[in-house]
C-alpha atoms as a PDB file:
ATOM      1  CA  UNK A   1     109.049 147.525  92.099  1.00  0.00           C
ATOM      2  CA  UNK A   2     112.409 146.446  90.702  1.00  0.00           C
ATOM      3  CA  UNK A   3     113.884 142.985  91.007  1.00  0.00           C
ATOM      4  CA  UNK A   4     117.607 142.377  91.251  1.00  0.00           C
ATOM      5  CA  UNK A   5     119.384 139.051  90.914  1.00  0.00           C
ATOM      6  CA  UNK A   6     122.699 138.734  92.718  1.00  0.00           C
ATOM      7  CA  UNK A   7     125.065 135.854  92.037  1.00  0.00           C
ATOM      8  CA  UNK A   8     127.370 135.208  94.960  1.00  0.00           C
ATOM      9  CA  UNK A   9     130.564 133.405  94.031  1.00  0.00           C
ATOM     10  CA  UNK A  10     131.793 132.770  97.567  1.00  0.00           C
ATOM     11  CA  UNK A  11     129.326 130.747  99.668  1.00  0.00           C
ATOM     12  CA  UNK A  12     130.902 131.976 102.889  1.00  0.00           C
ATOM     13  CA  UNK A  13     129.688 135.530 102.170  1.00  0.00           C
ATOM     14  CA  UNK A  14     126.020 134.639 101.678  1.00  0.00           C
ATOM     15  CA  UNK A  15     125.046 134.932 105.333  1.00  0.00           C
ATOM     16  CA  UNK A  16     126.701 138.339 105.708  1.00  0.00           C
ATOM     17  CA  UNK A  17     125.028 139.745 102.621  1.00  0.00           C
ATOM     18  CA  UNK A  18     121.614 138.379 103.642  1.00  0.00           C
ATOM     19  CA  UNK A  19     121.943 140.002 107.075  1.00  0.00           C
ATOM     20  CA  UNK A  20     122.882 143.363 105.570  1.00  0.00           C
ATOM     21  CA  UNK A  21     120.005 143.288 103.090  1.00  0.00           C
ATOM     22  CA  UNK A  22     117.464 142.214 105.709  1.00  0.00           C
ATOM     23  CA  UNK A  23     118.318 145.308 107.786  1.00  0.00           C
ATOM     24  CA  UNK A  24     117.155 147.601 104.979  1.00  0.00           C
ATOM     25  CA  UNK A  25     113.436 148.312 105.233  1.00  0.00           C
ATOM     26  CA  UNK A  26     113.048 148.964 101.498  1.00  0.00           C
ATOM     27  CA  UNK A  27     114.489 145.575 100.474  1.00  0.00           C
ATOM     28  CA  UNK A  28     112.545 142.318 100.425  1.00  0.00           C
ATOM     29  CA  UNK A  29     114.867 139.314 100.501  1.00  0.00           C
ATOM     30  CA  UNK A  30     113.871 136.143  98.655  1.00  0.00           C
ATOM     31  CA  UNK A  31     116.372 133.333  98.746  1.00  0.00           C
ATOM     32  CA  UNK A  32     116.547 131.033  95.752  1.00  0.00           C
ATOM     33  CA  UNK A  33     118.831 128.030  95.764  1.00  0.00           C
ATOM     34  CA  UNK A  34     120.396 127.015  92.480  1.00  0.00           C
ATOM     35  CA  UNK A  35     122.801 124.278  91.627  1.00  0.00           C
ATOM     36  CA  UNK A  36     124.248 122.544  88.602  1.00  0.00           C
ATOM     37  CA  UNK A  37     121.951 119.562  89.182  1.00  0.00           C
ATOM     38  CA  UNK A  38     118.853 121.723  88.650  1.00  0.00           C
ATOM     39  CA  UNK A  39     120.133 122.993  85.323  1.00  0.00           C
ATOM     40  CA  UNK A  40     120.775 119.486  84.019  1.00  0.00           C
ATOM     41  CA  UNK A  41     117.219 118.418  84.898  1.00  0.00           C
ATOM     42  CA  UNK A  42     115.777 121.268  82.855  1.00  0.00           C
ATOM     43  CA  UNK A  43     117.872 120.542  79.798  1.00  0.00           C
ATOM     44  CA  UNK A  44     117.259 116.780  79.919  1.00  0.00           C
ATOM     45  CA  UNK A  45     113.486 117.269  79.574  1.00  0.00           C
ATOM     46  CA  UNK A  46     113.701 117.887  75.831  1.00  0.00           C
ATOM     47  CA  UNK A  47     115.811 116.064  73.277  1.00  0.00           C
ATOM     48  CA  UNK A  48     116.785 118.485  70.524  1.00  0.00           C
ATOM     49  CA  UNK A  49     117.535 115.703  68.046  1.00  0.00           C
ATOM     50  CA  UNK A  50     113.959 114.391  68.242  1.00  0.00           C
ATOM     51  CA  UNK A  51     113.003 117.442  66.148  1.00  0.00           C
ATOM     52  CA  UNK A  52     115.162 116.328  63.220  1.00  0.00           C
ATOM     53  CA  UNK A  53     113.130 116.212  60.019  1.00  0.00           C
ATOM     54  CA  UNK A  54     110.235 118.209  61.444  1.00  0.00           C
ATOM     55  CA  UNK A  55     109.944 120.316  58.268  1.00  0.00           C
ATOM     56  CA  UNK A  56     111.223 117.607  55.919  1.00  0.00           C
ATOM     57  CA  UNK A  57     108.568 117.575  53.173  1.00  0.00           C
ATOM     58  CA  UNK A  58     107.326 121.139  53.532  1.00  0.00           C
ATOM     59  CA  UNK A  59     107.909 123.976  51.106  1.00  0.00           C
ATOM     60  CA  UNK A  60     109.157 126.711  53.434  1.00  0.00           C
ATOM     61  CA  UNK A  61     111.574 129.478  52.518  1.00  0.00           C
ATOM     62  CA  UNK A  62     112.912 132.488  54.375  1.00  0.00           C
ATOM     63  CA  UNK A  63     110.989 134.899  52.134  1.00  0.00           C
ATOM     64  CA  UNK A  64     107.719 133.032  52.724  1.00  0.00           C
ATOM     65  CA  UNK A  65     108.264 133.148  56.475  1.00  0.00           C
ATOM     66  CA  UNK A  66     108.957 136.891  56.301  1.00  0.00           C
ATOM     67  CA  UNK A  67     105.762 137.551  54.316  1.00  0.00           C
ATOM     68  CA  UNK A  68     103.651 135.595  56.785  1.00  0.00           C
ATOM     69  CA  UNK A  69     105.311 137.223  59.775  1.00  0.00           C
ATOM     70  CA  UNK A  70     104.637 140.756  58.504  1.00  0.00           C
ATOM     71  CA  UNK A  71     100.927 139.973  58.183  1.00  0.00           C
ATOM     72  CA  UNK A  72     100.625 139.651  61.946  1.00  0.00           C
ATOM     73  CA  UNK A  73     102.718 142.684  62.953  1.00  0.00           C
END
């Protein structure tokens, strides 16, 4: 089964598109509401700047990270 996400720019066309899709027997319609307010709630859950200094007194280099990463591949 494939899933397709459609972003509709004009809210007045939503009803028409939903009616057309619901007439097709091979299409299952799931309506998901999204708004700008929902996006701001998700991003406000974590403060990026709280992570400042997380690796402050640790000896980590790019080459060391690469060596460790290749061990697990």
